[in-house]
C-alpha atoms as a PDB file:
ATOM      1  CA  UNK A   1     139.544 123.873 103.686  1.00  0.00           C
ATOM      2  CA  UNK A   2     140.907 126.458 106.046  1.00  0.00           C
ATOM      3  CA  UNK A   3     142.155 129.749 104.817  1.00  0.00           C
ATOM      4  CA  UNK A   4     145.661 130.360 105.284  1.00  0.00           C
ATOM      5  CA  UNK A   5     146.186 132.584 108.285  1.00  0.00           C
ATOM      6  CA  UNK A   6     142.950 131.662 109.980  1.00  0.00           C
ATOM      7  CA  UNK A   7     142.453 129.216 112.995  1.00  0.00           C
ATOM      8  CA  UNK A   8     139.775 126.936 113.551  1.00  0.00           C
ATOM      9  CA  UNK A   9     138.165 127.550 116.962  1.00  0.00           C
ATOM     10  CA  UNK A  10     135.643 125.008 117.896  1.00  0.00           C
ATOM     11  CA  UNK A  11     132.459 126.262 119.557  1.00  0.00           C
ATOM     12  CA  UNK A  12     131.291 124.810 122.931  1.00  0.00           C
ATOM     13  CA  UNK A  13     128.335 122.937 121.354  1.00  0.00           C
ATOM     14  CA  UNK A  14     130.920 121.591 118.720  1.00  0.00           C
ATOM     15  CA  UNK A  15     133.233 120.374 121.797  1.00  0.00           C
ATOM     16  CA  UNK A  16     130.238 118.841 123.531  1.00  0.00           C
ATOM     17  CA  UNK A  17     128.648 117.068 120.644  1.00  0.00           C
ATOM     18  CA  UNK A  18     132.394 115.820 119.826  1.00  0.00           C
ATOM     19  CA  UNK A  19     132.937 114.640 123.197  1.00  0.00           C
ATOM     20  CA  UNK A  20     129.819 112.928 123.441  1.00  0.00           C
ATOM     21  CA  UNK A  21     130.470 110.872 120.246  1.00  0.00           C
ATOM     22  CA  UNK A  22     133.813 109.792 121.792  1.00  0.00           C
ATOM     23  CA  UNK A  23     131.930 108.766 125.144  1.00  0.00           C
ATOM     24  CA  UNK A  24     129.392 106.463 123.326  1.00  0.00           C
ATOM     25  CA  UNK A  25     131.356 103.887 121.327  1.00  0.00           C
ATOM     26  CA  UNK A  26     128.980 101.462 119.533  1.00  0.00           C
ATOM     27  CA  UNK A  27     128.808  97.775 120.460  1.00  0.00           C
ATOM     28  CA  UNK A  28     131.074  95.475 118.481  1.00  0.00           C
ATOM     29  CA  UNK A  29     127.981  93.713 117.214  1.00  0.00           C
ATOM     30  CA  UNK A  30     126.360  96.694 115.836  1.00  0.00           C
ATOM     31  CA  UNK A  31     129.498  97.757 113.917  1.00  0.00           C
ATOM     32  CA  UNK A  32     129.993  94.420 112.469  1.00  0.00           C
ATOM     33  CA  UNK A  33     126.498  94.581 111.341  1.00  0.00           C
ATOM     34  CA  UNK A  34     126.965  97.862 109.855  1.00  0.00           C
ATOM     35  CA  UNK A  35     130.176  96.889 108.148  1.00  0.00           C
ATOM     36  CA  UNK A  36     128.538  93.758 106.442  1.00  0.00           C
ATOM     37  CA  UNK A  37     125.597  96.088 105.315  1.00  0.00           C
ATOM     38  CA  UNK A  38     127.958  98.314 103.673  1.00  0.00           C
ATOM     39  CA  UNK A  39     129.751  95.472 101.766  1.00  0.00           C
ATOM     40  CA  UNK A  40     126.471  93.954 100.832  1.00  0.00           C
ATOM     41  CA  UNK A  41     125.302  97.149  99.390  1.00  0.00           C
ATOM     42  CA  UNK A  42     128.650  97.561  97.295  1.00  0.00           C
ATOM     43  CA  UNK A  43     128.122  94.010  96.058  1.00  0.00           C
ATOM     44  CA  UNK A  44     124.531  94.493  95.389  1.00  0.00           C
ATOM     45  CA  UNK A  45     125.040  95.697  91.888  1.00  0.00           C
ATOM     46  CA  UNK A  46     127.967  93.417  90.823  1.00  0.00           C
ATOM     47  CA  UNK A  47     125.717  91.669  88.406  1.00  0.00           C
ATOM     48  CA  UNK A  48     123.525  93.908  86.469  1.00  0.00           C
ATOM     49  CA  UNK A  49     121.801  92.868  83.361  1.00  0.00           C
ATOM     50  CA  UNK A  50     119.596  94.394  80.852  1.00  0.00           C
ATOM     51  CA  UNK A  51     117.039  92.449  78.896  1.00  0.00           C
ATOM     52  CA  UNK A  52     114.534  92.633  75.993  1.00  0.00           C
ATOM     53  CA  UNK A  53     111.905  89.702  75.748  1.00  0.00           C
ATOM     54  CA  UNK A  54     108.820  88.778  73.844  1.00  0.00           C
ATOM     55  CA  UNK A  55     106.036  90.523  75.841  1.00  0.00           C
ATOM     56  CA  UNK A  56     104.968  88.863  79.081  1.00  0.00           C
ATOM     57  CA  UNK A  57     102.541  90.476  81.578  1.00  0.00           C
ATOM     58  CA  UNK A  58     103.723  88.375  84.431  1.00  0.00           C
ATOM     59  CA  UNK A  59     107.186  90.096  84.291  1.00  0.00           C
ATOM     60  CA  UNK A  60     106.834  93.156  86.839  1.00  0.00           C
ATOM     61  CA  UNK A  61     109.143  95.220  88.786  1.00  0.00           C
ATOM     62  CA  UNK A  62     110.331  94.457  92.304  1.00  0.00           C
ATOM     63  CA  UNK A  63     109.951  90.761  91.690  1.00  0.00           C
ATOM     64  CA  UNK A  64     112.496  87.853  91.432  1.00  0.00           C
ATOM     65  CA  UNK A  65     113.235  85.212  88.831  1.00  0.00           C
ATOM     66  CA  UNK A  66     115.516  82.366  88.274  1.00  0.00           C
ATOM     67  CA  UNK A  67     117.782  82.409  85.278  1.00  0.00           C
ATOM     68  CA  UNK A  68     118.663  78.924  84.181  1.00  0.00           C
ATOM     69  CA  UNK A  69     120.689  77.794  81.096  1.00  0.00           C
ATOM     70  CA  UNK A  70     123.217  80.799  80.980  1.00  0.00           C
ATOM     71  CA  UNK A  71     126.227  79.221  82.720  1.00  0.00           C
ATOM     72  CA  UNK A  72     127.884  81.687  85.116  1.00  0.00           C
ATOM     73  CA  UNK A  73     125.088  83.953  84.801  1.00  0.00           C
ATOM     74  CA  UNK A  74     122.535  81.305  86.342  1.00  0.00           C
ATOM     75  CA  UNK A  75     120.845  82.518  89.443  1.00  0.00           C
ATOM     76  CA  UNK A  76     118.133  84.478  91.077  1.00  0.00           C
ATOM     77  CA  UNK A  77     117.553  87.967  89.857  1.00  0.00           C
ATOM     78  CA  UNK A  78     115.582  91.224  91.113  1.00  0.00           C
ATOM     79  CA  UNK A  79     113.884  92.989  88.392  1.00  0.00           C
ATOM     80  CA  UNK A  80     114.641  96.866  89.243  1.00  0.00           C
ATOM     81  CA  UNK A  81     112.713  98.432  86.528  1.00  0.00           C
ATOM     82  CA  UNK A  82     110.773  97.341  83.555  1.00  0.00           C
ATOM     83  CA  UNK A  83     108.860  98.687  80.451  1.00  0.00           C
ATOM     84  CA  UNK A  84     105.993  96.973  78.516  1.00  0.00           C
ATOM     85  CA  UNK A  85     106.001  98.244  74.864  1.00  0.00           C
ATOM     86  CA  UNK A  86     103.220  97.535  72.656  1.00  0.00           C
ATOM     87  CA  UNK A  87     104.125  98.488  68.840  1.00  0.00           C
ATOM     88  CA  UNK A  88     101.657  99.857  66.285  1.00  0.00           C
ATOM     89  CA  UNK A  89     101.864  96.723  64.419  1.00  0.00           C
ATOM     90  CA  UNK A  90     100.822  94.458  67.142  1.00  0.00           C
ATOM     91  CA  UNK A  91     104.081  93.605  68.625  1.00  0.00           C
ATOM     92  CA  UNK A  92     104.551  93.415  72.317  1.00  0.00           C
ATOM     93  CA  UNK A  93     108.020  93.461  73.988  1.00  0.00           C
ATOM     94  CA  UNK A  94     109.413  93.739  77.611  1.00  0.00           C
ATOM     95  CA  UNK A  95     112.812  95.277  78.468  1.00  0.00           C
ATOM     96  CA  UNK A  96     114.298  96.457  81.677  1.00  0.00           C
ATOM     97  CA  UNK A  97     117.107  96.022  84.065  1.00  0.00           C
ATOM     98  CA  UNK A  98     117.807  93.550  87.061  1.00  0.00           C
ATOM     99  CA  UNK A  99     120.403  92.561  89.328  1.00  0.00           C
ATOM    100  CA  UNK A 100     121.573  89.211  90.758  1.00  0.00           C
ATOM    101  CA  UNK A 101     120.329  88.550  94.140  1.00  0.00           C
ATOM    102  CA  UNK A 102     122.963  87.951  96.916  1.00  0.00           C
ATOM    103  CA  UNK A 103     123.261  84.439  98.472  1.00  0.00           C
ATOM    104  CA  UNK A 104     120.824  84.231 101.601  1.00  0.00           C
ATOM    105  CA  UNK A 105     117.980  86.162 100.063  1.00  0.00           C
END
């Protein structure tokens, strides 16, 4: 915010940099790709789940798994983080979070 009674005078380097941005528009294809990437990034975390399972050493972070038999929740999920927990009485559980993989991946 500008203070009341003060004016903003751009420095020559600011003007030069600003005019350089205006002089080099991005190609339409690159702009569309950036817009698509932004939409995908926002939609990426639309379906997030937290889970607790009986221990399974094959479940690891940064891998994908198909979920079936859960109706609208069926699909491919990417495991973001996972914890393997062993209790003192011999129990072994796995808990973590995952997000649904967007179509096309």
